[in-house]
């Protein structure tokens, strides 16, 4: 892959990461109001991100590590919110 192609791929994944983060935030807000949340769009977005990152070289993907780690943290917090919604007595 050319340098500009790699840069475009990284930029595309960053955009997808931003969208995923927005979906997580929206899901957490909806859960906080007691609304049931369909996570299929988030699941598909994360799958797409993972597939695209897996197709990159290690060097090309390295700049995405902080954003990927942030998304993992967001997903962990969403998981906690879901568990608390299902069983409010469970505290992590």
Foldseek 3Di string as FASTA:
>chain_A
DDPVVLVVLQVVLVVLLVVLLVLLVVLLVCLVVVHDDDCPVSVVSVVVSVVSLVPDDCVSNVVCVVSVVVSVVSVVVSVQSVVCSVPVVDDD
